[in-house]
Amino acid sequence: MQRTHRQRRDRDWLPAAVRRAGWVTSGAVWGGAGVAIGGAVVAAPAMLLLWKALALGGIGVAVVGERAGRVAFRRQLARLTRGEVQLADLASRDEGTLVCVRGRIDAPATLHGVLHDTPGVYRRLRFRSGGLWIHEAAVDFVLEDDGGHRILVQAGGARWLVPPRELIDYPSAKLDHDDLPRAVRELARDAGPTIEAAERVLEPGAAVQIVGYKTVAPDVDGDVVDYRSPPQRATLRSGAALPLVITRVEDLE
């Protein structure tokens, strides 16, 4: 998975009700946030499932920057959730069920960071060239819990929620090589000899919380369903209503 877009479009994937709640909560009056959230659920009961997952997935981190706002936002949404699904129980969930899980990343294959060559399963690069841009790339990976239970995670369409990081000057040549899309290389050249940038890489071993839709995928070490089908393993993927949402556990605190 690779995508490059202007920073102002970075949250276009959020449901409209979540973006509206973010605008309301950007002020100091949190009572209004509760009304906005409650109104969204009453007006659109079908959003209840989405709110449930968004609460668990840490959407408050993306919508609200300050700590107090994040805590208040999550408290409102926590009323709509009953907790997380254990990895061992995911296989029993119906196809297409929206769930939230936690575990540590295991990476059969990795990509590398652009600025520091750090190996990982997801990189998120923010840079300035005639405006602010976001470049993201990800590969499929495995999620494992402390009990050794493992599921697959399909990175297509995924979003990684991260706190903002200050931009620092780097040589533009770091963003001008064949491993990056042409659009990023051209933007780096347009920036001049140096470019303001910041990057985060989601490395193997990181503890994460993931919201996604349950499915299954072939896996030689997975469960055998019947003699006509290949072994399968429970898997999380993006869906039409919500992408796969990844948050580091440390960023949820």
C-alpha atoms as a PDB file:
ATOM      1  CA  MET A   1       0.000   0.000   0.000  1.00  0.00           C
ATOM      2  CA  GLN A   2       1.263   3.481  -0.908  1.00  0.00           C
ATOM      3  CA  ARG A   3      -0.481   6.840  -0.939  1.00  0.00           C
ATOM      4  CA  THR A   4       0.553  10.492  -1.158  1.00  0.00           C
ATOM      5  CA  HIS A   5      -1.820  13.371  -0.427  1.00  0.00           C
ATOM      6  CA  ARG A   6      -1.953  16.888   0.935  1.00  0.00           C
ATOM      7  CA  GLN A   7      -2.134  17.078   4.721  1.00  0.00           C
ATOM      8  CA  ARG A   8      -5.481  18.867   4.599  1.00  0.00           C
ATOM      9  CA  ARG A   9      -6.958  15.681   3.076  1.00  0.00           C
ATOM     10  CA  ASP A  10      -5.417  13.425   5.711  1.00  0.00           C
ATOM     11  CA  ARG A  11      -8.661  12.892   7.627  1.00  0.00           C
ATOM     12  CA  ASP A  12     -11.057  12.641   4.725  1.00  0.00           C
ATOM     13  CA  TRP A  13     -11.503   8.949   5.556  1.00  0.00           C
ATOM     14  CA  LEU A  14     -13.102   9.773   8.918  1.00  0.00           C
ATOM     15  CA  PRO A  15     -16.905   9.496   8.983  1.00  0.00           C
ATOM     16  CA  ALA A  16     -18.544  12.921   8.814  1.00  0.00           C
ATOM     17  CA  ALA A  17     -19.963  12.540  12.341  1.00  0.00           C
ATOM     18  CA  VAL A  18     -16.440  12.083  13.727  1.00  0.00           C
ATOM     19  CA  ARG A  19     -15.106  15.135  11.892  1.00  0.00           C
ATOM     20  CA  ARG A  20     -18.018  17.216  13.186  1.00  0.00           C
ATOM     21  CA  ALA A  21     -17.291  16.046  16.718  1.00  0.00           C
ATOM     22  CA  GLY A  22     -13.670  17.053  16.214  1.00  0.00           C
ATOM     23  CA  TRP A  23     -14.657  20.577  15.182  1.00  0.00           C
ATOM     24  CA  VAL A  24     -16.925  20.924  18.186  1.00  0.00           C
ATOM     25  CA  THR A  25     -14.339  19.623  20.624  1.00  0.00           C
ATOM     26  CA  SER A  26     -11.582  21.871  19.312  1.00  0.00           C
ATOM     27  CA  GLY A  27     -12.924  24.528  21.693  1.00  0.00           C
ATOM     28  CA  ALA A  28     -12.962  24.444  25.466  1.00  0.00           C
ATOM     29  CA  VAL A  29     -16.635  23.573  25.989  1.00  0.00           C
ATOM     30  CA  TRP A  30     -16.711  19.792  26.265  1.00  0.00           C
ATOM     31  CA  GLY A  31     -20.386  19.662  27.118  1.00  0.00           C
ATOM     32  CA  GLY A  32     -21.022  20.485  23.487  1.00  0.00           C
ATOM     33  CA  ALA A  33     -18.943  17.487  22.467  1.00  0.00           C
ATOM     34  CA  GLY A  34     -21.176  15.140  24.407  1.00  0.00           C
ATOM     35  CA  VAL A  35     -24.251  16.595  22.716  1.00  0.00           C
ATOM     36  CA  ALA A  36     -22.628  16.271  19.298  1.00  0.00           C
ATOM     37  CA  ILE A  37     -21.695  12.645  19.881  1.00  0.00           C
ATOM     38  CA  GLY A  38     -25.064  11.753  21.315  1.00  0.00           C
ATOM     39  CA  GLY A  39     -26.820  13.538  18.479  1.00  0.00           C
ATOM     40  CA  ALA A  40     -24.782  11.685  15.888  1.00  0.00           C
ATOM     41  CA  VAL A  41     -25.801   8.333  17.323  1.00  0.00           C
ATOM     42  CA  VAL A  42     -29.469   9.277  17.701  1.00  0.00           C
ATOM     43  CA  ALA A  43     -29.625  10.717  14.202  1.00  0.00           C
ATOM     44  CA  ALA A  44     -27.845   7.756  12.648  1.00  0.00           C
ATOM     45  CA  PRO A  45     -28.179   4.558  14.702  1.00  0.00           C
ATOM     46  CA  ALA A  46     -26.208   2.698  12.049  1.00  0.00           C
ATOM     47  CA  MET A  47     -23.183   4.704  13.148  1.00  0.00           C
ATOM     48  CA  LEU A  48     -23.256   2.970  16.530  1.00  0.00           C
ATOM     49  CA  LEU A  49     -20.991   0.154  15.391  1.00  0.00           C
ATOM     50  CA  LEU A  50     -18.550   2.611  13.886  1.00  0.00           C
ATOM     51  CA  TRP A  51     -18.463   4.702  17.068  1.00  0.00           C
ATOM     52  CA  LYS A  52     -17.836   1.525  19.034  1.00  0.00           C
ATOM     53  CA  ALA A  53     -14.752   0.717  16.998  1.00  0.00           C
ATOM     54  CA  LEU A  54     -13.581   4.308  16.772  1.00  0.00           C
ATOM     55  CA  ALA A  55     -13.616   4.570  20.563  1.00  0.00           C
ATOM     56  CA  LEU A  56     -11.391   1.519  20.841  1.00  0.00           C
ATOM     57  CA  GLY A  57      -9.167   2.527  17.961  1.00  0.00           C
ATOM     58  CA  GLY A  58      -8.120   5.844  19.451  1.00  0.00           C
ATOM     59  CA  ILE A  59      -9.746   8.184  16.931  1.00  0.00           C
ATOM     60  CA  GLY A  60      -9.631  10.806  19.689  1.00  0.00           C
ATOM     61  CA  VAL A  61      -5.865  10.909  19.181  1.00  0.00           C
ATOM     62  CA  ALA A  62      -6.348  11.963  15.562  1.00  0.00           C
ATOM     63  CA  VAL A  63      -9.211  14.379  16.087  1.00  0.00           C
ATOM     64  CA  VAL A  64      -8.100  16.079  19.286  1.00  0.00           C
ATOM     65  CA  GLY A  65      -4.492  17.011  19.997  1.00  0.00           C
ATOM     66  CA  GLU A  66      -4.462  18.059  23.627  1.00  0.00           C
ATOM     67  CA  ARG A  67      -4.518  15.482  26.424  1.00  0.00           C
ATOM     68  CA  ALA A  68      -7.652  16.796  28.156  1.00  0.00           C
ATOM     69  CA  GLY A  69      -9.590  16.780  24.912  1.00  0.00           C
ATOM     70  CA  ARG A  70      -8.459  13.263  24.086  1.00  0.00           C
ATOM     71  CA  VAL A  71      -9.543  11.927  27.482  1.00  0.00           C
ATOM     72  CA  ALA A  72     -12.966  13.577  27.291  1.00  0.00           C
ATOM     73  CA  PHE A  73     -13.536  12.340  23.754  1.00  0.00           C
ATOM     74  CA  ARG A  74     -12.666   8.759  24.682  1.00  0.00           C
ATOM     75  CA  ARG A  75     -14.867   8.833  27.776  1.00  0.00           C
ATOM     76  CA  GLN A  76     -17.870   9.745  25.657  1.00  0.00           C
ATOM     77  CA  LEU A  77     -17.177   7.000  23.151  1.00  0.00           C
ATOM     78  CA  ALA A  78     -16.284   4.390  25.781  1.00  0.00           C
ATOM     79  CA  ARG A  79     -19.942   4.278  26.816  1.00  0.00           C
ATOM     80  CA  LEU A  80     -20.705   2.627  23.502  1.00  0.00           C
ATOM     81  CA  THR A  81     -18.183  -0.205  23.727  1.00  0.00           C
ATOM     82  CA  ARG A  82     -17.878  -3.482  25.625  1.00  0.00           C
ATOM     83  CA  GLY A  83     -14.165  -4.067  25.182  1.00  0.00           C
ATOM     84  CA  GLU A  84     -11.706  -5.722  22.886  1.00  0.00           C
ATOM     85  CA  VAL A  85     -11.686  -9.101  21.160  1.00  0.00           C
ATOM     86  CA  GLN A  86      -8.938 -11.547  22.128  1.00  0.00           C
ATOM     87  CA  LEU A  87      -6.891 -12.858  19.194  1.00  0.00           C
ATOM     88  CA  ALA A  88      -7.804 -16.417  20.160  1.00  0.00           C
ATOM     89  CA  ASP A  89     -11.508 -15.573  19.748  1.00  0.00           C
ATOM     90  CA  LEU A  90     -11.282 -13.800  16.394  1.00  0.00           C
ATOM     91  CA  ALA A  91     -11.716 -16.967  14.331  1.00  0.00           C
ATOM     92  CA  SER A  92     -15.181 -17.499  15.817  1.00  0.00           C
ATOM     93  CA  ARG A  93     -16.426 -14.064  14.714  1.00  0.00           C
ATOM     94  CA  ASP A  94     -18.598 -13.761  11.620  1.00  0.00           C
ATOM     95  CA  GLU A  95     -17.106 -12.633   8.314  1.00  0.00           C
ATOM     96  CA  GLY A  96     -17.196  -8.838   8.033  1.00  0.00           C
ATOM     97  CA  THR A  97     -17.566  -8.166  11.776  1.00  0.00           C
ATOM     98  CA  LEU A  98     -15.905  -4.934  12.871  1.00  0.00           C
ATOM     99  CA  VAL A  99     -13.618  -5.684  15.816  1.00  0.00           C
ATOM    100  CA  CYS A 100     -10.780  -4.249  17.869  1.00  0.00           C
ATOM    101  CA  VAL A 101      -7.721  -6.256  18.952  1.00  0.00           C
ATOM    102  CA  ARG A 102      -4.335  -5.713  20.561  1.00  0.00           C
ATOM    103  CA  GLY A 103      -1.001  -7.436  20.076  1.00  0.00           C
ATOM    104  CA  ARG A 104       2.603  -7.062  18.986  1.00  0.00           C
ATOM    105  CA  ILE A 105       3.759  -6.838  15.396  1.00  0.00           C
ATOM    106  CA  ASP A 106       5.635  -9.697  13.777  1.00  0.00           C
ATOM    107  CA  ALA A 107       6.921  -8.907  10.293  1.00  0.00           C
ATOM    108  CA  PRO A 108       7.688 -11.668   7.776  1.00  0.00           C
ATOM    109  CA  ALA A 109       8.473  -8.827   5.345  1.00  0.00           C
ATOM    110  CA  THR A 110       9.344  -5.192   6.000  1.00  0.00           C
ATOM    111  CA  LEU A 111       9.775  -1.881   4.249  1.00  0.00           C
ATOM    112  CA  HIS A 112      12.213   0.839   5.323  1.00  0.00           C
ATOM    113  CA  GLY A 113      11.929   4.423   6.412  1.00  0.00           C
ATOM    114  CA  VAL A 114      12.833   7.160   3.965  1.00  0.00           C
ATOM    115  CA  LEU A 115      14.788   9.422   6.316  1.00  0.00           C
ATOM    116  CA  HIS A 116      16.497   6.907   8.610  1.00  0.00           C
ATOM    117  CA  ASP A 117      16.216   3.496   6.865  1.00  0.00           C
ATOM    118  CA  THR A 118      14.414   2.000   9.887  1.00  0.00           C
ATOM    119  CA  PRO A 119      12.723  -1.351   9.065  1.00  0.00           C
ATOM    120  CA  GLY A 120       9.011  -1.617   9.752  1.00  0.00           C
ATOM    121  CA  VAL A 121       5.583  -2.512   8.423  1.00  0.00           C
ATOM    122  CA  TYR A 122       4.244   1.038   8.018  1.00  0.00           C
ATOM    123  CA  ARG A 123       5.971   4.347   7.360  1.00  0.00           C
ATOM    124  CA  ARG A 124       4.353   7.766   7.540  1.00  0.00           C
ATOM    125  CA  LEU A 125       6.288  10.691   6.114  1.00  0.00           C
ATOM    126  CA  ARG A 126       5.201  14.302   6.500  1.00  0.00           C
ATOM    127  CA  PHE A 127       7.015  16.976   4.502  1.00  0.00           C
ATOM    128  CA  ARG A 128       6.713  20.510   3.162  1.00  0.00           C
ATOM    129  CA  SER A 129       6.920  21.420  -0.531  1.00  0.00           C
ATOM    130  CA  GLY A 130       4.610  24.231  -1.572  1.00  0.00           C
ATOM    131  CA  GLY A 131       2.403  23.119   1.321  1.00  0.00           C
ATOM    132  CA  LEU A 132       2.283  20.138   3.653  1.00  0.00           C
ATOM    133  CA  TRP A 133       2.156  16.590   2.265  1.00  0.00           C
ATOM    134  CA  ILE A 134       1.761  13.082   3.664  1.00  0.00           C
ATOM    135  CA  HIS A 135       3.305   9.979   2.111  1.00  0.00           C
ATOM    136  CA  GLU A 136       2.425   6.555   3.572  1.00  0.00           C
ATOM    137  CA  ALA A 137       3.407   3.000   2.718  1.00  0.00           C
ATOM    138  CA  ALA A 138       2.640  -0.318   4.422  1.00  0.00           C
ATOM    139  CA  VAL A 139       3.016  -4.083   4.025  1.00  0.00           C
ATOM    140  CA  ASP A 140       0.940  -6.950   5.408  1.00  0.00           C
ATOM    141  CA  PHE A 141       2.046  -8.273   8.787  1.00  0.00           C
ATOM    142  CA  VAL A 142       1.212 -10.659  11.642  1.00  0.00           C
ATOM    143  CA  LEU A 143      -0.218  -9.661  15.025  1.00  0.00           C
ATOM    144  CA  GLU A 144       0.656 -11.879  18.003  1.00  0.00           C
ATOM    145  CA  ASP A 145      -0.484 -11.775  21.636  1.00  0.00           C
ATOM    146  CA  ASP A 146       1.284 -12.901  24.808  1.00  0.00           C
ATOM    147  CA  GLY A 147      -0.304 -16.339  24.508  1.00  0.00           C
ATOM    148  CA  GLY A 148       1.210 -16.961  21.078  1.00  0.00           C
ATOM    149  CA  HIS A 149      -2.083 -16.549  19.176  1.00  0.00           C
ATOM    150  CA  ARG A 150      -1.530 -15.017  15.755  1.00  0.00           C
ATOM    151  CA  ILE A 151      -3.692 -13.314  13.146  1.00  0.00           C
ATOM    152  CA  LEU A 152      -2.895 -11.766   9.774  1.00  0.00           C
ATOM    153  CA  VAL A 153      -3.317  -8.055   9.058  1.00  0.00           C
ATOM    154  CA  GLN A 154      -3.869  -6.872   5.488  1.00  0.00           C
ATOM    155  CA  ALA A 155      -2.391  -3.393   5.057  1.00  0.00           C
ATOM    156  CA  GLY A 156      -4.407  -2.328   2.006  1.00  0.00           C
ATOM    157  CA  GLY A 157      -6.242   0.904   2.796  1.00  0.00           C
ATOM    158  CA  ALA A 158      -4.866   1.043   6.352  1.00  0.00           C
ATOM    159  CA  ARG A 159      -4.444   4.236   8.378  1.00  0.00           C
ATOM    160  CA  TRP A 160      -1.932   4.744  11.186  1.00  0.00           C
ATOM    161  CA  LEU A 161      -2.882   7.351  13.785  1.00  0.00           C
ATOM    162  CA  VAL A 162       0.160   9.182  15.160  1.00  0.00           C
ATOM    163  CA  PRO A 163       0.710  12.328  17.246  1.00  0.00           C
ATOM    164  CA  PRO A 164       2.221  15.244  15.307  1.00  0.00           C
ATOM    165  CA  ARG A 165       6.005  15.538  15.122  1.00  0.00           C
ATOM    166  CA  GLU A 166       8.044  18.673  14.455  1.00  0.00           C
ATOM    167  CA  LEU A 167       9.470  19.032  10.951  1.00  0.00           C
ATOM    168  CA  ILE A 168      13.272  19.115  10.618  1.00  0.00           C
ATOM    169  CA  ASP A 169      15.470  20.085   7.660  1.00  0.00           C
ATOM    170  CA  TYR A 170      16.863  17.164   5.629  1.00  0.00           C
ATOM    171  CA  PRO A 171      18.664  16.992   2.275  1.00  0.00           C
ATOM    172  CA  SER A 172      15.972  16.797  -0.410  1.00  0.00           C
ATOM    173  CA  ALA A 173      17.931  13.938  -1.993  1.00  0.00           C
ATOM    174  CA  LYS A 174      16.636  11.630   0.764  1.00  0.00           C
ATOM    175  CA  LEU A 175      13.195  11.882  -0.871  1.00  0.00           C
ATOM    176  CA  ASP A 176      14.503  11.635  -4.423  1.00  0.00           C
ATOM    177  CA  HIS A 177      15.205   7.978  -5.153  1.00  0.00           C
ATOM    178  CA  ASP A 178      13.569   5.175  -7.103  1.00  0.00           C
ATOM    179  CA  ASP A 179      11.901   3.505  -4.101  1.00  0.00           C
ATOM    180  CA  LEU A 180       9.480   6.433  -3.785  1.00  0.00           C
ATOM    181  CA  PRO A 181       6.605   7.377  -6.102  1.00  0.00           C
ATOM    182  CA  ARG A 182       7.329   9.910  -8.835  1.00  0.00           C
ATOM    183  CA  ALA A 183       5.038  12.467  -7.172  1.00  0.00           C
ATOM    184  CA  VAL A 184       7.135  12.446  -3.984  1.00  0.00           C
ATOM    185  CA  ARG A 185      10.403  12.697  -5.930  1.00  0.00           C
ATOM    186  CA  GLU A 186       9.122  15.669  -7.911  1.00  0.00           C
ATOM    187  CA  LEU A 187       7.897  17.427  -4.778  1.00  0.00           C
ATOM    188  CA  ALA A 188      11.323  16.904  -3.191  1.00  0.00           C
ATOM    189  CA  ARG A 189      13.042  18.477  -6.194  1.00  0.00           C
ATOM    190  CA  ASP A 190      10.644  21.428  -6.085  1.00  0.00           C
ATOM    191  CA  ALA A 191      11.549  22.057  -2.430  1.00  0.00           C
ATOM    192  CA  GLY A 192      15.170  22.907  -3.253  1.00  0.00           C
ATOM    193  CA  PRO A 193      18.363  21.497  -1.698  1.00  0.00           C
ATOM    194  CA  THR A 194      16.724  20.948   1.713  1.00  0.00           C
ATOM    195  CA  ILE A 195      13.256  19.890   2.722  1.00  0.00           C
ATOM    196  CA  GLU A 196      11.363  20.058   6.026  1.00  0.00           C
ATOM    197  CA  ALA A 197      10.213  16.574   6.955  1.00  0.00           C
ATOM    198  CA  ALA A 198       9.376  14.162   9.772  1.00  0.00           C
ATOM    199  CA  GLU A 199       8.816  10.424   9.659  1.00  0.00           C
ATOM    200  CA  ARG A 200       7.541   7.616  11.843  1.00  0.00           C
ATOM    201  CA  VAL A 201       8.037   3.915  11.177  1.00  0.00           C
ATOM    202  CA  LEU A 202       5.968   1.186  12.828  1.00  0.00           C
ATOM    203  CA  GLU A 203       8.627  -1.350  13.703  1.00  0.00           C
ATOM    204  CA  PRO A 204       8.383  -5.097  14.434  1.00  0.00           C
ATOM    205  CA  GLY A 205       7.684  -5.744  18.113  1.00  0.00           C
ATOM    206  CA  ALA A 206       5.579  -2.605  18.570  1.00  0.00           C
ATOM    207  CA  ALA A 207       2.428  -3.036  20.677  1.00  0.00           C
ATOM    208  CA  VAL A 208      -0.580  -1.809  18.707  1.00  0.00           C
ATOM    209  CA  GLN A 209      -4.341  -1.634  18.810  1.00  0.00           C
ATOM    210  CA  ILE A 210      -6.119  -2.312  15.520  1.00  0.00           C
ATOM    211  CA  VAL A 211      -9.692  -1.824  14.398  1.00  0.00           C
ATOM    212  CA  GLY A 212     -10.670  -3.751  11.295  1.00  0.00           C
ATOM    213  CA  TYR A 213     -13.105  -6.146   9.657  1.00  0.00           C
ATOM    214  CA  LYS A 214     -12.724  -9.852  10.304  1.00  0.00           C
ATOM    215  CA  THR A 215     -12.050 -12.153   7.375  1.00  0.00           C
ATOM    216  CA  VAL A 216      -9.830 -15.179   6.697  1.00  0.00           C
ATOM    217  CA  ALA A 217      -6.814 -15.647   4.450  1.00  0.00           C
ATOM    218  CA  PRO A 218      -4.794 -18.680   3.308  1.00  0.00           C
ATOM    219  CA  ASP A 219      -1.906 -19.534   5.633  1.00  0.00           C
ATOM    220  CA  VAL A 220       0.131 -22.743   5.603  1.00  0.00           C
ATOM    221  CA  ASP A 221       0.239 -22.696   9.410  1.00  0.00           C
ATOM    222  CA  GLY A 222      -3.444 -21.830   9.781  1.00  0.00           C
ATOM    223  CA  ASP A 223      -6.495 -23.917  10.633  1.00  0.00           C
ATOM    224  CA  VAL A 224      -7.773 -26.615   8.289  1.00  0.00           C
ATOM    225  CA  VAL A 225     -11.491 -26.073   7.672  1.00  0.00           C
ATOM    226  CA  ASP A 226     -12.128 -28.984   5.298  1.00  0.00           C
ATOM    227  CA  TYR A 227     -10.134 -31.159   2.902  1.00  0.00           C
ATOM    228  CA  ARG A 228     -11.110 -29.019  -0.108  1.00  0.00           C
ATOM    229  CA  SER A 229      -9.879 -25.693   1.294  1.00  0.00           C
ATOM    230  CA  PRO A 230      -6.327 -24.537   2.085  1.00  0.00           C
ATOM    231  CA  PRO A 231      -5.415 -23.833   5.740  1.00  0.00           C
ATOM    232  CA  GLN A 232      -6.761 -20.449   6.826  1.00  0.00           C
ATOM    233  CA  ARG A 233      -6.022 -17.899   9.516  1.00  0.00           C
ATOM    234  CA  ALA A 234      -8.235 -15.185  10.987  1.00  0.00           C
ATOM    235  CA  THR A 235      -7.383 -11.856   9.357  1.00  0.00           C
ATOM    236  CA  LEU A 236      -8.213  -8.160   9.690  1.00  0.00           C
ATOM    237  CA  ARG A 237      -8.789  -5.932   6.664  1.00  0.00           C
ATOM    238  CA  SER A 238     -10.152  -2.524   5.695  1.00  0.00           C
ATOM    239  CA  GLY A 239     -13.823  -2.138   4.782  1.00  0.00           C
ATOM    240  CA  ALA A 240     -16.013   0.169   2.731  1.00  0.00           C
ATOM    241  CA  ALA A 241     -17.205   2.188   5.740  1.00  0.00           C
ATOM    242  CA  LEU A 242     -13.954   2.289   7.700  1.00  0.00           C
ATOM    243  CA  PRO A 243     -10.318   1.520   6.853  1.00  0.00           C
ATOM    244  CA  LEU A 244      -8.105  -0.618   9.023  1.00  0.00           C
ATOM    245  CA  VAL A 245      -7.102   1.748  11.859  1.00  0.00           C
ATOM    246  CA  ILE A 246      -3.771   1.221  13.635  1.00  0.00           C
ATOM    247  CA  THR A 247      -2.688   2.973  16.837  1.00  0.00           C
ATOM    248  CA  ARG A 248       0.370   2.317  18.956  1.00  0.00           C
ATOM    249  CA  VAL A 249      -0.713   1.417  22.490  1.00  0.00           C
ATOM    250  CA  GLU A 250       1.626   4.042  23.942  1.00  0.00           C
ATOM    251  CA  ASP A 251      -0.192   6.732  21.919  1.00  0.00           C
ATOM    252  CA  LEU A 252      -3.520   5.766  23.496  1.00  0.00           C
ATOM    253  CA  GLU A 253      -2.386   6.702  27.016  1.00  0.00           C
END
